[in-house]
Amino acid sequence: MKKTLKRLRIWDNRTQVHDSVDRNLRHAFIELGKMKDKLALSDAIIEKAAYIYRKALDKKLVRGRSITALIAASLYAACRDTKTPRTLNDITAAINIKRKDLALCYRILVKELDLKMPVVDSVQCVARIASKAELSEKTKRYAVKILKKAKQNEISAGKDPMGIAASALYISALRMGMNCSQKIIAQAAGVTEVTLRNRCKGLKLLDT
């Protein structure tokens, strides 16, 4: 009888754990669906994010952490992995979490899951920022020219690709005589105006 009761308790515990995991996944995937719609992301990126989150769940990284923040970090990691230009600010704007919580969870995922993130080329960010800020094709082309010079001179090394791309576009817009403020371009890139101004300092030397 004692053995039977012990087995029943084990089965009950397993069922509770299984139910808990199912509830966790349902919650996470509902949040993922919301972000997919708001950020206009492909099914492939969402599947990648779900895969990363499941790995985090298997390693028990969810314990003591927000499910929403961790699934958002998984999505950001999926975007980085597929070189899809989405910033931390884009993700936080799509779901109700703080930027610092998202950044922390992302760092944990990279470290604990040993994720190898490719470096995003700032040139890839130009089209998206320019589209949001409604900049001309000519402005985009000149910004790409500046960024290629920056890469050759190693000015862009280690810098946030969205910030450096935004700065190149701002300098390019000025060169083309476009009436476009720092605020508009910074918002389009999801960076601060301070970041944009700081990155402009180095890039202006290349605008010759």
Foldseek 3Di string as FASTA:
>chain_A
DVVVVVVVVVVVVVVVVVVVVVVLLVVLVVLLVLLCVQVVDDPVLSVQLSVLVVVCVVVVVPVPADSNLLSLLSSVQSCQQVLNDDDLLSSCVSDPDDSVSNVVSNVCSCVVVVDDGDDRALLVLQVQLCVQLVHDPQLNVQLSVLSVVCVVVVVCPPHDSLLLSLLSSVVSCVVVVHDGDLVSSCVSSVHDSVSSVVSNVVSVVVVD
